[in-house]
Amino acid sequence: MKKTFQLDIEGKHRDRVLEATKHEIRKYVKRQRRKPLPEGVDFWDFDCKFGTTAENATVVHFATITALIDAVAKDGGAAFYLELLAKDGHRTARG
């Protein structure tokens, strides 16, 4: 998923648009995780980039996406760019 989400849509309440955006992202992640795993893969992982535009997007950890979206909304941003790409995940042994 590579998409720029608009938060200010005329005729729609900003909070509802924000919640719908988060729902769409969660739905995408659930759909990707349902896909069958290839041989030798433990789980689906995600490469993530986040920014106000595609040009200034930086690599972020998957778990911080919701907090970053909330920060953009709180600062009054009109839009944000999110890139989520599924990749193979391999578990590592804990020491």
C-alpha atoms as a PDB file:
ATOM      1  CA  MET A   1       0.000   0.000   0.000  1.00  0.00           C
ATOM      2  CA  LYS A   2       1.436   3.322  -1.078  1.00  0.00           C
ATOM      3  CA  LYS A   3      -1.074   6.060  -0.491  1.00  0.00           C
ATOM      4  CA  THR A   4      -1.523   9.683   0.504  1.00  0.00           C
ATOM      5  CA  PHE A   5      -4.423  10.004   2.917  1.00  0.00           C
ATOM      6  CA  GLN A   6      -6.358  13.292   3.017  1.00  0.00           C
ATOM      7  CA  LEU A   7      -7.641  14.306   6.450  1.00  0.00           C
ATOM      8  CA  ASP A   8      -9.525  17.445   5.392  1.00  0.00           C
ATOM      9  CA  ILE A   9     -12.399  16.384   3.145  1.00  0.00           C
ATOM     10  CA  GLU A  10     -15.166  18.906   2.562  1.00  0.00           C
ATOM     11  CA  GLY A  11     -18.476  17.806   4.045  1.00  0.00           C
ATOM     12  CA  LYS A  12     -16.933  15.182   6.347  1.00  0.00           C
ATOM     13  CA  HIS A  13     -15.971  15.517   9.984  1.00  0.00           C
ATOM     14  CA  ARG A  14     -12.194  15.351  10.441  1.00  0.00           C
ATOM     15  CA  ASP A  15     -12.364  12.876  13.341  1.00  0.00           C
ATOM     16  CA  ARG A  16     -14.499  10.455  11.314  1.00  0.00           C
ATOM     17  CA  VAL A  17     -12.092  10.678   8.363  1.00  0.00           C
ATOM     18  CA  LEU A  18      -9.189   9.963  10.731  1.00  0.00           C
ATOM     19  CA  GLU A  19     -10.904   6.877  12.155  1.00  0.00           C
ATOM     20  CA  ALA A  20     -11.841   5.649   8.654  1.00  0.00           C
ATOM     21  CA  THR A  21      -8.213   6.026   7.597  1.00  0.00           C
ATOM     22  CA  LYS A  22      -6.968   3.973  10.549  1.00  0.00           C
ATOM     23  CA  HIS A  23      -9.627   1.353   9.798  1.00  0.00           C
ATOM     24  CA  GLU A  24      -8.488   1.109   6.165  1.00  0.00           C
ATOM     25  CA  ILE A  25      -4.876   0.579   7.280  1.00  0.00           C
ATOM     26  CA  ARG A  26      -5.848  -2.106   9.799  1.00  0.00           C
ATOM     27  CA  LYS A  27      -7.983  -3.828   7.153  1.00  0.00           C
ATOM     28  CA  TYR A  28      -5.053  -3.881   4.720  1.00  0.00           C
ATOM     29  CA  VAL A  29      -2.729  -5.368   7.365  1.00  0.00           C
ATOM     30  CA  LYS A  30      -5.258  -8.087   8.276  1.00  0.00           C
ATOM     31  CA  ARG A  31      -5.733  -8.957   4.588  1.00  0.00           C
ATOM     32  CA  GLN A  32      -1.965  -9.250   4.065  1.00  0.00           C
ATOM     33  CA  ARG A  33      -1.502 -11.416   7.156  1.00  0.00           C
ATOM     34  CA  ARG A  34      -4.190 -13.849   5.949  1.00  0.00           C
ATOM     35  CA  LYS A  35      -2.188 -14.723   2.833  1.00  0.00           C
ATOM     36  CA  PRO A  36      -0.453 -18.112   2.959  1.00  0.00           C
ATOM     37  CA  LEU A  37       3.148 -17.979   4.133  1.00  0.00           C
ATOM     38  CA  PRO A  38       5.880 -19.098   1.717  1.00  0.00           C
ATOM     39  CA  GLU A  39       8.091 -22.060   2.662  1.00  0.00           C
ATOM     40  CA  GLY A  40      10.514 -21.194   5.476  1.00  0.00           C
ATOM     41  CA  VAL A  41       8.789 -17.952   6.506  1.00  0.00           C
ATOM     42  CA  ASP A  42       7.572 -17.508  10.092  1.00  0.00           C
ATOM     43  CA  PHE A  43       5.288 -14.472   9.715  1.00  0.00           C
ATOM     44  CA  TRP A  44       4.469 -11.461   7.548  1.00  0.00           C
ATOM     45  CA  ASP A  45       6.499  -8.375   8.411  1.00  0.00           C
ATOM     46  CA  PHE A  46       6.084  -4.876   6.970  1.00  0.00           C
ATOM     47  CA  ASP A  47       8.455  -2.268   5.582  1.00  0.00           C
ATOM     48  CA  CYS A  48       6.998   1.110   6.539  1.00  0.00           C
ATOM     49  CA  LYS A  49       7.575   4.696   5.459  1.00  0.00           C
ATOM     50  CA  PHE A  50       5.672   7.672   6.821  1.00  0.00           C
ATOM     51  CA  GLY A  51       5.690  11.397   6.092  1.00  0.00           C
ATOM     52  CA  THR A  52       3.568  14.374   5.179  1.00  0.00           C
ATOM     53  CA  THR A  53       4.421  13.752   1.494  1.00  0.00           C
ATOM     54  CA  ALA A  54       5.942  10.871  -0.472  1.00  0.00           C
ATOM     55  CA  GLU A  55       9.151  12.855  -0.995  1.00  0.00           C
ATOM     56  CA  ASN A  56       9.891  13.390   2.710  1.00  0.00           C
ATOM     57  CA  ALA A  57       8.711   9.972   3.962  1.00  0.00           C
ATOM     58  CA  THR A  58      11.140   8.247   6.301  1.00  0.00           C
ATOM     59  CA  VAL A  59      11.447   4.629   7.413  1.00  0.00           C
ATOM     60  CA  VAL A  60       9.517   3.959  10.634  1.00  0.00           C
ATOM     61  CA  HIS A  61       8.678   0.911  12.740  1.00  0.00           C
ATOM     62  CA  PHE A  62       5.271  -0.678  12.103  1.00  0.00           C
ATOM     63  CA  ALA A  63       4.165  -0.296  15.740  1.00  0.00           C
ATOM     64  CA  THR A  64       4.555   3.510  15.657  1.00  0.00           C
ATOM     65  CA  ILE A  65       2.235   4.194  12.704  1.00  0.00           C
ATOM     66  CA  THR A  66      -0.901   4.978  14.739  1.00  0.00           C
ATOM     67  CA  ALA A  67       0.992   7.372  17.008  1.00  0.00           C
ATOM     68  CA  LEU A  68       2.469   9.139  13.971  1.00  0.00           C
ATOM     69  CA  ILE A  69      -0.978   9.507  12.381  1.00  0.00           C
ATOM     70  CA  ASP A  70      -2.351  10.942  15.619  1.00  0.00           C
ATOM     71  CA  ALA A  71       0.569  13.405  15.791  1.00  0.00           C
ATOM     72  CA  VAL A  72      -0.112  14.664  12.251  1.00  0.00           C
ATOM     73  CA  ALA A  73      -3.822  15.057  13.050  1.00  0.00           C
ATOM     74  CA  LYS A  74      -3.085  16.871  16.321  1.00  0.00           C
ATOM     75  CA  ASP A  75      -0.717  19.297  14.554  1.00  0.00           C
ATOM     76  CA  GLY A  76      -3.461  20.124  12.065  1.00  0.00           C
ATOM     77  CA  GLY A  77      -1.893  18.438   9.040  1.00  0.00           C
ATOM     78  CA  ALA A  78      -4.141  18.140   5.989  1.00  0.00           C
ATOM     79  CA  ALA A  79      -2.669  14.869   4.696  1.00  0.00           C
ATOM     80  CA  PHE A  80      -0.009  12.213   5.248  1.00  0.00           C
ATOM     81  CA  TYR A  81       1.740   9.597   3.109  1.00  0.00           C
ATOM     82  CA  LEU A  82       2.002   5.967   4.199  1.00  0.00           C
ATOM     83  CA  GLU A  83       3.833   3.126   2.519  1.00  0.00           C
ATOM     84  CA  LEU A  84       3.290  -0.417   3.831  1.00  0.00           C
ATOM     85  CA  LEU A  85       4.949  -3.285   1.981  1.00  0.00           C
ATOM     86  CA  ALA A  86       4.635  -6.869   3.201  1.00  0.00           C
ATOM     87  CA  LYS A  87       7.854  -8.873   3.460  1.00  0.00           C
ATOM     88  CA  ASP A  88       8.975 -12.210   4.840  1.00  0.00           C
ATOM     89  CA  GLY A  89       9.569 -12.304   8.585  1.00  0.00           C
ATOM     90  CA  HIS A  90      11.912 -14.740  10.337  1.00  0.00           C
ATOM     91  CA  ARG A  91      11.976 -15.277  14.068  1.00  0.00           C
ATOM     92  CA  THR A  92      15.276 -14.931  15.881  1.00  0.00           C
ATOM     93  CA  ALA A  93      16.319 -16.874  18.980  1.00  0.00           C
ATOM     94  CA  ARG A  94      16.236 -14.979  22.248  1.00  0.00           C
ATOM     95  CA  GLY A  95      19.398 -15.150  24.292  1.00  0.00           C
END
